[in-house]
Amino acid sequence: MKRGIITSSGRMTRQDSDSVSINSSISEEDLNYYLLYWDKILMPTNNMIHVSVKNEDQLLKTGFFERPKVNFTNWSTHMNKGSYDPFLMAQSIVANEVIPNDKSFDWTIHQIGDHIAISKDQSKEFNSIKVELLNCLPVPSGETNFQDILEFKEKRTDELLALHSTIDELYLEILNSPDKDLQLRKSISDFKMAIANIDTVSKERFKMLTKYNFTTELNINGQNIALALGGGATFDFFSNGMTLPIVTILAGLTSFIKVKANRTTSVKKAGEKLKLNFLADANKRHIVKVNSKKH
C-alpha cells in the first residue's frame, strides 16, 4: 500500500510544560525529505494564516502534494485551553478525518522538529515503543530542484520500496520478538542493506546530502497488531531502552537504532494503527558533499 503523511508547514518546538510553538517554517531540505520518502503529502492550511512552501503552486499540480483548508473562528496556543495554533489544529482535524476514511493510502501524522504536538481536543495518549533511526536517511540539499527529486524517486522506486519494507519488518520484529539478540536478526541485516543501497544511489545523483533522523512511535495495543507477546511484556522489556549501532556510512558517522518504551500522544483515530506518528529532523552536523554524476 502507498504511504501518505499528514504534516504541517511549521517545525515543532516545546517551549515549556504548557505550550508548544511552531518556531519556524519547514526548511527546503525538510520539504525534499517529504517528497523523496512519501507517496502523498497532505499539508493542511487554515483561514487564519497560510504559510506557503517553496514551489507550492507547481507542487500542487503534481498530485503528490495537497493543502486541504480548515476554517476556524478562533484559536489558542495554550495547551490548557484545549488547542494549539491553527496549524496544529488543522493537521489534527484532517488526520482524524483521513486516517479512518481514506483506505487508498496508509496515512500517518508526521512532523518536523524535536517534539510531536497534537491539538489537545483531537488527541489521545498511548503506550508505545519509540524507534529512532539516527543518521540514516539521506536527503538532497535545499537547492535541489524538486523535479529532480521526483525523477530520482520514480527511477529508484525499487530501492525506496525495499527501504520502507525493511523498516516495517524491523518494527514488527521489535514488537513480536523483543530480545537482546535483536542486532543479529535478519530484519537488521536487511535494513542495513536497504540503507546502504539508498545511500549509494543518492550519492550518485545529488551533489550534497544531509542525514535525517527518523522516529516512529509504535502502537503496542492496536487491534490490527497480533503480538507474540502481550503488549505489556513488550513495553516492560524496552523500558530501559536499547541502542544498536548499525552501519558506518562515512568516517566518523555511525547510524544507530534506538528503541525505548514510551508514552506518546497521537490523533484519536490512530488508535488501531501500528504507527502512531512520525517525527524527523536533519542532523546538521553531518552534511555530505559528493562528486555526483546524474544517472
C-alpha atoms as a PDB file:
ATOM      1  CA  MET A   1       0.000   0.000   0.000  1.00  0.00           C
ATOM      2  CA  LYS A   2       1.169   3.528  -0.731  1.00  0.00           C
ATOM      3  CA  ARG A   3       2.269   5.653   2.202  1.00  0.00           C
ATOM      4  CA  GLY A   4       0.731   9.030   2.934  1.00  0.00           C
ATOM      5  CA  ILE A   5       1.506  11.614   5.608  1.00  0.00           C
ATOM      6  CA  ILE A   6      -0.487  14.460   7.150  1.00  0.00           C
ATOM      7  CA  THR A   7       2.008  17.110   8.123  1.00  0.00           C
ATOM      8  CA  SER A   8       2.402  20.823   8.831  1.00  0.00           C
ATOM      9  CA  SER A   9       4.237  23.731   7.233  1.00  0.00           C
ATOM     10  CA  GLY A  10       5.971  24.501  10.560  1.00  0.00           C
ATOM     11  CA  ARG A  11       8.661  22.992  12.794  1.00  0.00           C
ATOM     12  CA  MET A  12       7.508  21.968  16.294  1.00  0.00           C
ATOM     13  CA  THR A  13       9.406  23.004  19.432  1.00  0.00           C
ATOM     14  CA  ARG A  14       8.225  22.630  23.026  1.00  0.00           C
ATOM     15  CA  GLN A  15       8.628  25.908  24.932  1.00  0.00           C
ATOM     16  CA  ASP A  16       7.617  24.704  28.407  1.00  0.00           C
ATOM     17  CA  SER A  17       5.268  22.245  30.085  1.00  0.00           C
ATOM     18  CA  ASP A  18       2.218  24.176  28.895  1.00  0.00           C
ATOM     19  CA  SER A  19       2.924  25.158  25.324  1.00  0.00           C
ATOM     20  CA  VAL A  20       4.382  24.033  22.026  1.00  0.00           C
ATOM     21  CA  SER A  21       5.224  26.519  19.338  1.00  0.00           C
ATOM     22  CA  ILE A  22       5.944  26.486  15.643  1.00  0.00           C
ATOM     23  CA  ASN A  23       9.153  28.478  15.750  1.00  0.00           C
ATOM     24  CA  SER A  24       9.793  28.487  12.005  1.00  0.00           C
ATOM     25  CA  SER A  25       8.596  27.143   8.695  1.00  0.00           C
ATOM     26  CA  ILE A  26       9.929  23.817   7.491  1.00  0.00           C
ATOM     27  CA  SER A  27      13.130  24.161   5.515  1.00  0.00           C
ATOM     28  CA  GLU A  28      13.618  23.413   1.835  1.00  0.00           C
ATOM     29  CA  GLU A  29      15.501  20.270   2.899  1.00  0.00           C
ATOM     30  CA  ASP A  30      12.549  19.194   5.052  1.00  0.00           C
ATOM     31  CA  LEU A  31      10.277  19.508   2.035  1.00  0.00           C
ATOM     32  CA  ASN A  32      12.747  17.484  -0.051  1.00  0.00           C
ATOM     33  CA  TYR A  33      12.675  14.779   2.627  1.00  0.00           C
ATOM     34  CA  TYR A  34       8.887  14.605   2.383  1.00  0.00           C
ATOM     35  CA  LEU A  35       8.941  14.471  -1.424  1.00  0.00           C
ATOM     36  CA  LEU A  36      11.567  11.735  -1.542  1.00  0.00           C
ATOM     37  CA  TYR A  37      10.258   9.296   1.041  1.00  0.00           C
ATOM     38  CA  TRP A  38       6.460   9.601   0.931  1.00  0.00           C
ATOM     39  CA  ASP A  39       3.894   8.873  -1.773  1.00  0.00           C
ATOM     40  CA  LYS A  40       1.369  11.533  -0.786  1.00  0.00           C
ATOM     41  CA  ILE A  41       1.705  14.675   1.333  1.00  0.00           C
ATOM     42  CA  LEU A  42      -1.263  16.419   2.927  1.00  0.00           C
ATOM     43  CA  MET A  43      -0.183  19.733   4.452  1.00  0.00           C
ATOM     44  CA  PRO A  44      -3.331  21.370   5.868  1.00  0.00           C
ATOM     45  CA  THR A  45      -3.706  25.125   5.879  1.00  0.00           C
ATOM     46  CA  ASN A  46      -6.349  27.327   7.510  1.00  0.00           C
ATOM     47  CA  ASN A  47      -8.271  30.562   7.117  1.00  0.00           C
ATOM     48  CA  MET A  48      -6.279  32.357   9.831  1.00  0.00           C
ATOM     49  CA  ILE A  49      -2.738  32.163   8.450  1.00  0.00           C
ATOM     50  CA  HIS A  50      -1.409  30.489   5.324  1.00  0.00           C
ATOM     51  CA  VAL A  51       2.307  29.665   5.238  1.00  0.00           C
ATOM     52  CA  SER A  52       3.348  28.579   1.774  1.00  0.00           C
ATOM     53  CA  VAL A  53       6.288  26.345   0.901  1.00  0.00           C
ATOM     54  CA  LYS A  54       8.794  26.662  -1.915  1.00  0.00           C
ATOM     55  CA  ASN A  55       7.311  25.942  -5.366  1.00  0.00           C
ATOM     56  CA  GLU A  56       3.892  25.375  -3.802  1.00  0.00           C
ATOM     57  CA  ASP A  57       1.853  26.140  -6.935  1.00  0.00           C
ATOM     58  CA  GLN A  58       3.977  23.762  -9.006  1.00  0.00           C
ATOM     59  CA  LEU A  59       3.875  21.045  -6.368  1.00  0.00           C
ATOM     60  CA  LEU A  60       0.083  21.219  -6.185  1.00  0.00           C
ATOM     61  CA  LYS A  61      -0.027  20.241  -9.862  1.00  0.00           C
ATOM     62  CA  THR A  62       1.996  17.044  -9.345  1.00  0.00           C
ATOM     63  CA  GLY A  63      -0.708  15.115  -7.484  1.00  0.00           C
ATOM     64  CA  PHE A  64       1.775  14.228  -4.716  1.00  0.00           C
ATOM     65  CA  PHE A  65       1.060  17.308  -2.624  1.00  0.00           C
ATOM     66  CA  GLU A  66      -2.192  18.844  -1.321  1.00  0.00           C
ATOM     67  CA  ARG A  67      -3.125  21.733   1.035  1.00  0.00           C
ATOM     68  CA  PRO A  68      -6.622  20.997   2.418  1.00  0.00           C
ATOM     69  CA  LYS A  69      -8.107  24.058   4.128  1.00  0.00           C
ATOM     70  CA  VAL A  70      -9.695  24.087   7.603  1.00  0.00           C
ATOM     71  CA  ASN A  71     -11.776  27.103   8.707  1.00  0.00           C
ATOM     72  CA  PHE A  72     -11.681  28.416  12.295  1.00  0.00           C
ATOM     73  CA  THR A  73     -13.490  31.150  14.189  1.00  0.00           C
ATOM     74  CA  ASN A  74     -10.768  31.468  16.879  1.00  0.00           C
ATOM     75  CA  TRP A  75      -7.631  29.731  18.146  1.00  0.00           C
ATOM     76  CA  SER A  76      -5.221  29.468  21.077  1.00  0.00           C
ATOM     77  CA  THR A  77      -1.574  28.462  21.571  1.00  0.00           C
ATOM     78  CA  HIS A  78      -2.102  27.406  25.196  1.00  0.00           C
ATOM     79  CA  MET A  79      -2.454  23.700  25.981  1.00  0.00           C
ATOM     80  CA  ASN A  80      -4.754  24.263  28.938  1.00  0.00           C
ATOM     81  CA  LYS A  81      -7.332  25.836  26.635  1.00  0.00           C
ATOM     82  CA  GLY A  82      -7.594  22.594  24.721  1.00  0.00           C
ATOM     83  CA  SER A  83      -5.848  23.513  21.478  1.00  0.00           C
ATOM     84  CA  TYR A  84      -2.715  24.849  19.878  1.00  0.00           C
ATOM     85  CA  ASP A  85      -2.292  27.241  16.996  1.00  0.00           C
ATOM     86  CA  PRO A  86      -4.325  26.800  13.803  1.00  0.00           C
ATOM     87  CA  PHE A  87      -1.594  24.821  12.016  1.00  0.00           C
ATOM     88  CA  LEU A  88      -1.643  22.032  14.619  1.00  0.00           C
ATOM     89  CA  MET A  89      -5.417  22.113  14.895  1.00  0.00           C
ATOM     90  CA  ALA A  90      -5.791  21.834  11.131  1.00  0.00           C
ATOM     91  CA  GLN A  91      -3.323  18.935  10.972  1.00  0.00           C
ATOM     92  CA  SER A  92      -5.110  17.015  13.724  1.00  0.00           C
ATOM     93  CA  ILE A  93      -8.591  17.628  12.286  1.00  0.00           C
ATOM     94  CA  VAL A  94      -7.562  16.471   8.815  1.00  0.00           C
ATOM     95  CA  ALA A  95      -5.728  13.429  10.244  1.00  0.00           C
ATOM     96  CA  ASN A  96      -8.737  12.306  12.277  1.00  0.00           C
ATOM     97  CA  GLU A  97     -10.843  12.555   9.128  1.00  0.00           C
ATOM     98  CA  VAL A  98      -8.454  10.958   6.633  1.00  0.00           C
ATOM     99  CA  ILE A  99      -6.917   8.095   8.653  1.00  0.00           C
ATOM    100  CA  PRO A 100     -10.137   6.081   9.157  1.00  0.00           C
ATOM    101  CA  ASN A 101     -11.845   7.012   5.879  1.00  0.00           C
ATOM    102  CA  ASP A 102      -9.255   7.010   3.088  1.00  0.00           C
ATOM    103  CA  LYS A 103      -8.085   3.426   2.646  1.00  0.00           C
ATOM    104  CA  SER A 104      -6.165   4.116  -0.568  1.00  0.00           C
ATOM    105  CA  PHE A 105      -3.100   5.119   1.496  1.00  0.00           C
ATOM    106  CA  ASP A 106      -1.543   4.095   4.784  1.00  0.00           C
ATOM    107  CA  TRP A 107      -1.860   7.503   6.478  1.00  0.00           C
ATOM    108  CA  THR A 108       0.273   8.642   9.423  1.00  0.00           C
ATOM    109  CA  ILE A 109       0.637  12.020  11.103  1.00  0.00           C
ATOM    110  CA  HIS A 110       4.142  13.431  10.604  1.00  0.00           C
ATOM    111  CA  GLN A 111       6.003  16.442  11.988  1.00  0.00           C
ATOM    112  CA  ILE A 112       9.441  18.016  11.647  1.00  0.00           C
ATOM    113  CA  GLY A 113      11.231  19.106  14.810  1.00  0.00           C
ATOM    114  CA  ASP A 114      12.115  17.870  18.276  1.00  0.00           C
ATOM    115  CA  HIS A 115       8.662  17.082  19.657  1.00  0.00           C
ATOM    116  CA  ILE A 116       5.318  15.705  18.496  1.00  0.00           C
ATOM    117  CA  ALA A 117       2.489  18.162  19.208  1.00  0.00           C
ATOM    118  CA  ILE A 118      -1.184  17.255  18.765  1.00  0.00           C
ATOM    119  CA  SER A 119      -4.067  19.614  19.491  1.00  0.00           C
ATOM    120  CA  LYS A 120      -5.424  18.598  22.886  1.00  0.00           C
ATOM    121  CA  ASP A 121      -9.069  18.127  21.968  1.00  0.00           C
ATOM    122  CA  GLN A 122      -8.129  15.963  18.958  1.00  0.00           C
ATOM    123  CA  SER A 123      -5.589  13.757  20.763  1.00  0.00           C
ATOM    124  CA  LYS A 124      -5.244  10.609  22.817  1.00  0.00           C
ATOM    125  CA  GLU A 125      -2.377   9.166  24.864  1.00  0.00           C
ATOM    126  CA  PHE A 126      -0.911   5.756  24.002  1.00  0.00           C
ATOM    127  CA  ASN A 127       1.677   3.348  25.343  1.00  0.00           C
ATOM    128  CA  SER A 128       4.217   2.968  22.563  1.00  0.00           C
ATOM    129  CA  ILE A 129       7.604   1.665  21.552  1.00  0.00           C
ATOM    130  CA  LYS A 130       9.681   4.572  20.292  1.00  0.00           C
ATOM    131  CA  VAL A 131      12.047   3.564  17.469  1.00  0.00           C
ATOM    132  CA  GLU A 132      14.642   6.131  16.406  1.00  0.00           C
ATOM    133  CA  LEU A 133      16.697   5.660  13.237  1.00  0.00           C
ATOM    134  CA  LEU A 134      19.563   8.119  13.715  1.00  0.00           C
ATOM    135  CA  ASN A 135      21.788   9.415  10.892  1.00  0.00           C
ATOM    136  CA  CYS A 136      20.059   7.059   8.490  1.00  0.00           C
ATOM    137  CA  LEU A 137      18.108   8.768   5.712  1.00  0.00           C
ATOM    138  CA  PRO A 138      19.992  10.738   3.026  1.00  0.00           C
ATOM    139  CA  VAL A 139      18.138  13.851   1.836  1.00  0.00           C
ATOM    140  CA  PRO A 140      19.124  16.175  -1.060  1.00  0.00           C
ATOM    141  CA  SER A 141      20.071  19.748  -0.181  1.00  0.00           C
ATOM    142  CA  GLY A 142      17.549  22.571  -0.255  1.00  0.00           C
ATOM    143  CA  GLU A 143      18.946  23.875  -3.540  1.00  0.00           C
ATOM    144  CA  THR A 144      17.919  20.679  -5.345  1.00  0.00           C
ATOM    145  CA  ASN A 145      15.112  21.115  -7.877  1.00  0.00           C
ATOM    146  CA  PHE A 146      12.021  19.232  -6.713  1.00  0.00           C
ATOM    147  CA  GLN A 147      11.552  17.818 -10.215  1.00  0.00           C
ATOM    148  CA  ASP A 148      14.976  16.156  -9.939  1.00  0.00           C
ATOM    149  CA  ILE A 149      13.843  14.547  -6.690  1.00  0.00           C
ATOM    150  CA  LEU A 150      10.610  13.245  -8.226  1.00  0.00           C
ATOM    151  CA  GLU A 151      12.542  11.918 -11.217  1.00  0.00           C
ATOM    152  CA  PHE A 152      15.011  10.159  -8.913  1.00  0.00           C
ATOM    153  CA  LYS A 153      12.140   8.794  -6.826  1.00  0.00           C
ATOM    154  CA  GLU A 154      10.493   7.288  -9.903  1.00  0.00           C
ATOM    155  CA  LYS A 155      13.726   5.774 -11.176  1.00  0.00           C
ATOM    156  CA  ARG A 156      14.677   4.369  -7.772  1.00  0.00           C
ATOM    157  CA  THR A 157      11.258   3.047  -6.804  1.00  0.00           C
ATOM    158  CA  ASP A 158      12.616  -0.434  -6.059  1.00  0.00           C
ATOM    159  CA  GLU A 159      15.251   0.832  -3.622  1.00  0.00           C
ATOM    160  CA  LEU A 160      12.788   3.109  -1.828  1.00  0.00           C
ATOM    161  CA  LEU A 161      10.170   0.363  -1.572  1.00  0.00           C
ATOM    162  CA  ALA A 162      12.803  -2.007  -0.192  1.00  0.00           C
ATOM    163  CA  LEU A 163      13.761   0.556   2.445  1.00  0.00           C
ATOM    164  CA  HIS A 164      10.159   1.058   3.577  1.00  0.00           C
ATOM    165  CA  SER A 165       9.559  -2.707   3.623  1.00  0.00           C
ATOM    166  CA  THR A 166      12.639  -3.446   5.728  1.00  0.00           C
ATOM    167  CA  ILE A 167      11.711  -0.683   8.177  1.00  0.00           C
ATOM    168  CA  ASP A 168       8.213  -2.182   8.531  1.00  0.00           C
ATOM    169  CA  GLU A 169       9.707  -5.648   9.086  1.00  0.00           C
ATOM    170  CA  LEU A 170      12.034  -4.222  11.706  1.00  0.00           C
ATOM    171  CA  TYR A 171       9.086  -2.647  13.528  1.00  0.00           C
ATOM    172  CA  LEU A 172       7.133  -5.904  13.569  1.00  0.00           C
ATOM    173  CA  GLU A 173      10.117  -7.874  14.793  1.00  0.00           C
ATOM    174  CA  ILE A 174      10.727  -5.405  17.603  1.00  0.00           C
ATOM    175  CA  LEU A 175       7.111  -5.791  18.719  1.00  0.00           C
ATOM    176  CA  ASN A 176       6.780  -9.534  18.202  1.00  0.00           C
ATOM    177  CA  SER A 177      10.117 -10.816  19.441  1.00  0.00           C
ATOM    178  CA  PRO A 178      11.826  -8.393  21.807  1.00  0.00           C
ATOM    179  CA  ASP A 179      15.151  -9.791  22.975  1.00  0.00           C
ATOM    180  CA  LYS A 180      18.794  -8.841  23.423  1.00  0.00           C
ATOM    181  CA  ASP A 181      19.767 -10.560  20.153  1.00  0.00           C
ATOM    182  CA  LEU A 182      17.908  -8.039  18.008  1.00  0.00           C
ATOM    183  CA  GLN A 183      21.235  -6.982  16.470  1.00  0.00           C
ATOM    184  CA  LEU A 184      21.619 -10.469  14.958  1.00  0.00           C
ATOM    185  CA  ARG A 185      18.189 -10.688  13.404  1.00  0.00           C
ATOM    186  CA  LYS A 186      17.529 -10.783   9.670  1.00  0.00           C
ATOM    187  CA  SER A 187      15.483  -7.591   9.799  1.00  0.00           C
ATOM    188  CA  ILE A 188      18.570  -5.658  10.945  1.00  0.00           C
ATOM    189  CA  SER A 189      20.687  -7.145   8.162  1.00  0.00           C
ATOM    190  CA  ASP A 190      18.026  -6.318   5.559  1.00  0.00           C
ATOM    191  CA  PHE A 191      17.706  -2.780   6.915  1.00  0.00           C
ATOM    192  CA  LYS A 192      21.473  -2.235   6.721  1.00  0.00           C
ATOM    193  CA  MET A 193      21.476  -3.336   3.094  1.00  0.00           C
ATOM    194  CA  ALA A 194      18.496  -1.137   2.184  1.00  0.00           C
ATOM    195  CA  ILE A 195      20.088   1.930   3.812  1.00  0.00           C
ATOM    196  CA  ALA A 196      23.390   1.249   2.058  1.00  0.00           C
ATOM    197  CA  ASN A 197      21.626   0.969  -1.309  1.00  0.00           C
ATOM    198  CA  ILE A 198      19.725   4.243  -0.842  1.00  0.00           C
ATOM    199  CA  ASP A 199      22.925   5.927   0.298  1.00  0.00           C
ATOM    200  CA  THR A 200      24.821   4.743  -2.773  1.00  0.00           C
ATOM    201  CA  VAL A 201      22.264   5.768  -5.394  1.00  0.00           C
ATOM    202  CA  SER A 202      21.650   9.111  -3.649  1.00  0.00           C
ATOM    203  CA  LYS A 203      25.352   9.952  -3.781  1.00  0.00           C
ATOM    204  CA  GLU A 204      25.383   9.089  -7.472  1.00  0.00           C
ATOM    205  CA  ARG A 205      22.572  11.540  -8.180  1.00  0.00           C
ATOM    206  CA  PHE A 206      22.895  14.502  -5.802  1.00  0.00           C
ATOM    207  CA  LYS A 207      25.816  16.821  -5.036  1.00  0.00           C
ATOM    208  CA  MET A 208      25.022  17.394  -1.372  1.00  0.00           C
ATOM    209  CA  LEU A 209      23.117  15.286   1.154  1.00  0.00           C
ATOM    210  CA  THR A 210      22.039  15.712   4.760  1.00  0.00           C
ATOM    211  CA  LYS A 211      21.406  12.743   7.037  1.00  0.00           C
ATOM    212  CA  TYR A 212      17.984  12.778   8.658  1.00  0.00           C
ATOM    213  CA  ASN A 213      16.895  11.168  11.904  1.00  0.00           C
ATOM    214  CA  PHE A 214      13.557   9.378  11.671  1.00  0.00           C
ATOM    215  CA  THR A 215      11.431   8.439  14.700  1.00  0.00           C
ATOM    216  CA  THR A 216       8.307   6.287  14.820  1.00  0.00           C
ATOM    217  CA  GLU A 217       6.044   5.638  17.790  1.00  0.00           C
ATOM    218  CA  LEU A 218       4.725   2.063  17.510  1.00  0.00           C
ATOM    219  CA  ASN A 219       1.340   1.258  18.972  1.00  0.00           C
ATOM    220  CA  ILE A 220       1.532  -1.833  21.185  1.00  0.00           C
ATOM    221  CA  ASN A 221      -2.233  -2.051  21.682  1.00  0.00           C
ATOM    222  CA  GLY A 222      -3.712  -1.547  18.210  1.00  0.00           C
ATOM    223  CA  GLN A 223      -6.428  -4.008  17.252  1.00  0.00           C
ATOM    224  CA  ASN A 224      -4.714  -4.875  13.957  1.00  0.00           C
ATOM    225  CA  ILE A 225      -1.488  -5.949  15.677  1.00  0.00           C
ATOM    226  CA  ALA A 226      -1.058  -9.631  16.551  1.00  0.00           C
ATOM    227  CA  LEU A 227       1.831  -9.740  19.001  1.00  0.00           C
ATOM    228  CA  ALA A 228       3.590 -12.905  20.017  1.00  0.00           C
ATOM    229  CA  LEU A 229       3.972 -11.416  23.474  1.00  0.00           C
ATOM    230  CA  GLY A 230       1.444  -9.277  25.267  1.00  0.00           C
ATOM    231  CA  GLY A 231       1.735  -5.544  24.840  1.00  0.00           C
ATOM    232  CA  GLY A 232       2.606  -5.126  28.492  1.00  0.00           C
ATOM    233  CA  ALA A 233       5.524  -7.563  28.273  1.00  0.00           C
ATOM    234  CA  THR A 234       6.903  -5.782  25.213  1.00  0.00           C
ATOM    235  CA  PHE A 235       6.572  -2.412  26.934  1.00  0.00           C
ATOM    236  CA  ASP A 236       8.371  -3.712  30.039  1.00  0.00           C
ATOM    237  CA  PHE A 237      11.198  -5.249  28.029  1.00  0.00           C
ATOM    238  CA  PHE A 238      12.077  -1.924  26.376  1.00  0.00           C
ATOM    239  CA  SER A 239      11.534   0.226  29.478  1.00  0.00           C
ATOM    240  CA  ASN A 240      15.297   0.679  29.917  1.00  0.00           C
ATOM    241  CA  GLY A 241      15.929   1.253  26.223  1.00  0.00           C
ATOM    242  CA  MET A 242      18.275  -0.362  23.704  1.00  0.00           C
ATOM    243  CA  THR A 243      20.772   1.261  21.322  1.00  0.00           C
ATOM    244  CA  LEU A 244      22.253  -0.577  18.336  1.00  0.00           C
ATOM    245  CA  PRO A 245      24.974   0.785  16.024  1.00  0.00           C
ATOM    246  CA  ILE A 246      24.050  -0.480  12.593  1.00  0.00           C
ATOM    247  CA  VAL A 247      26.427   0.809   9.930  1.00  0.00           C
ATOM    248  CA  THR A 248      29.216   3.315   9.403  1.00  0.00           C
ATOM    249  CA  ILE A 249      28.214   5.362   6.372  1.00  0.00           C
ATOM    250  CA  LEU A 250      31.101   7.832   6.469  1.00  0.00           C
ATOM    251  CA  ALA A 251      34.234   8.183   8.510  1.00  0.00           C
ATOM    252  CA  GLY A 252      33.162   9.341  11.925  1.00  0.00           C
ATOM    253  CA  LEU A 253      29.443   8.907  11.251  1.00  0.00           C
ATOM    254  CA  THR A 254      27.613   5.866  12.553  1.00  0.00           C
ATOM    255  CA  SER A 255      23.914   5.180  12.206  1.00  0.00           C
ATOM    256  CA  PHE A 256      22.003   3.913  15.220  1.00  0.00           C
ATOM    257  CA  ILE A 257      18.703   2.308  16.093  1.00  0.00           C
ATOM    258  CA  LYS A 258      17.373   3.326  19.496  1.00  0.00           C
ATOM    259  CA  VAL A 259      14.367   1.513  20.957  1.00  0.00           C
ATOM    260  CA  LYS A 260      12.582   2.516  24.160  1.00  0.00           C
ATOM    261  CA  ALA A 261       9.171   2.141  25.763  1.00  0.00           C
ATOM    262  CA  ASN A 262       7.380   5.464  25.792  1.00  0.00           C
ATOM    263  CA  ARG A 263       4.138   7.299  26.473  1.00  0.00           C
ATOM    264  CA  THR A 264       3.113   9.333  23.462  1.00  0.00           C
ATOM    265  CA  THR A 265       0.266  11.385  22.035  1.00  0.00           C
ATOM    266  CA  SER A 266      -1.337  10.992  18.642  1.00  0.00           C
ATOM    267  CA  VAL A 267      -4.642  11.752  16.992  1.00  0.00           C
ATOM    268  CA  LYS A 268      -7.551   9.718  18.320  1.00  0.00           C
ATOM    269  CA  LYS A 269      -8.206   7.840  15.070  1.00  0.00           C
ATOM    270  CA  ALA A 270      -4.659   6.406  15.041  1.00  0.00           C
ATOM    271  CA  GLY A 271      -5.613   4.003  17.830  1.00  0.00           C
ATOM    272  CA  GLU A 272      -5.895   0.915  15.645  1.00  0.00           C
ATOM    273  CA  LYS A 273      -2.790   1.622  13.563  1.00  0.00           C
ATOM    274  CA  LEU A 274       0.686   0.172  14.025  1.00  0.00           C
ATOM    275  CA  LYS A 275       2.384   3.562  13.556  1.00  0.00           C
ATOM    276  CA  LEU A 276       1.019   6.306  15.782  1.00  0.00           C
ATOM    277  CA  ASN A 277       3.160   9.156  14.472  1.00  0.00           C
ATOM    278  CA  PHE A 278       6.395  10.068  12.694  1.00  0.00           C
ATOM    279  CA  LEU A 279       8.985  12.693  13.624  1.00  0.00           C
ATOM    280  CA  ALA A 280      12.020  13.659  11.554  1.00  0.00           C
ATOM    281  CA  ASP A 281      14.829  16.185  11.679  1.00  0.00           C
ATOM    282  CA  ALA A 282      18.108  16.876   9.921  1.00  0.00           C
ATOM    283  CA  ASN A 283      21.447  16.175  11.531  1.00  0.00           C
ATOM    284  CA  LYS A 284      23.089  19.488  10.577  1.00  0.00           C
ATOM    285  CA  ARG A 285      26.476  18.313  11.820  1.00  0.00           C
ATOM    286  CA  HIS A 286      26.692  15.763   9.022  1.00  0.00           C
ATOM    287  CA  ILE A 287      26.243  17.325   5.600  1.00  0.00           C
ATOM    288  CA  VAL A 288      27.762  15.145   2.898  1.00  0.00           C
ATOM    289  CA  LYS A 289      29.336  16.693  -0.188  1.00  0.00           C
ATOM    290  CA  VAL A 290      29.836  14.240  -3.040  1.00  0.00           C
ATOM    291  CA  ASN A 291      31.112  14.319  -6.582  1.00  0.00           C
ATOM    292  CA  SER A 292      27.887  13.145  -8.138  1.00  0.00           C
ATOM    293  CA  LYS A 293      27.037  12.174 -11.660  1.00  0.00           C
ATOM    294  CA  LYS A 294      23.432  12.085 -12.858  1.00  0.00           C
ATOM    295  CA  HIS A 295      22.038   8.695 -13.908  1.00  0.00           C
END
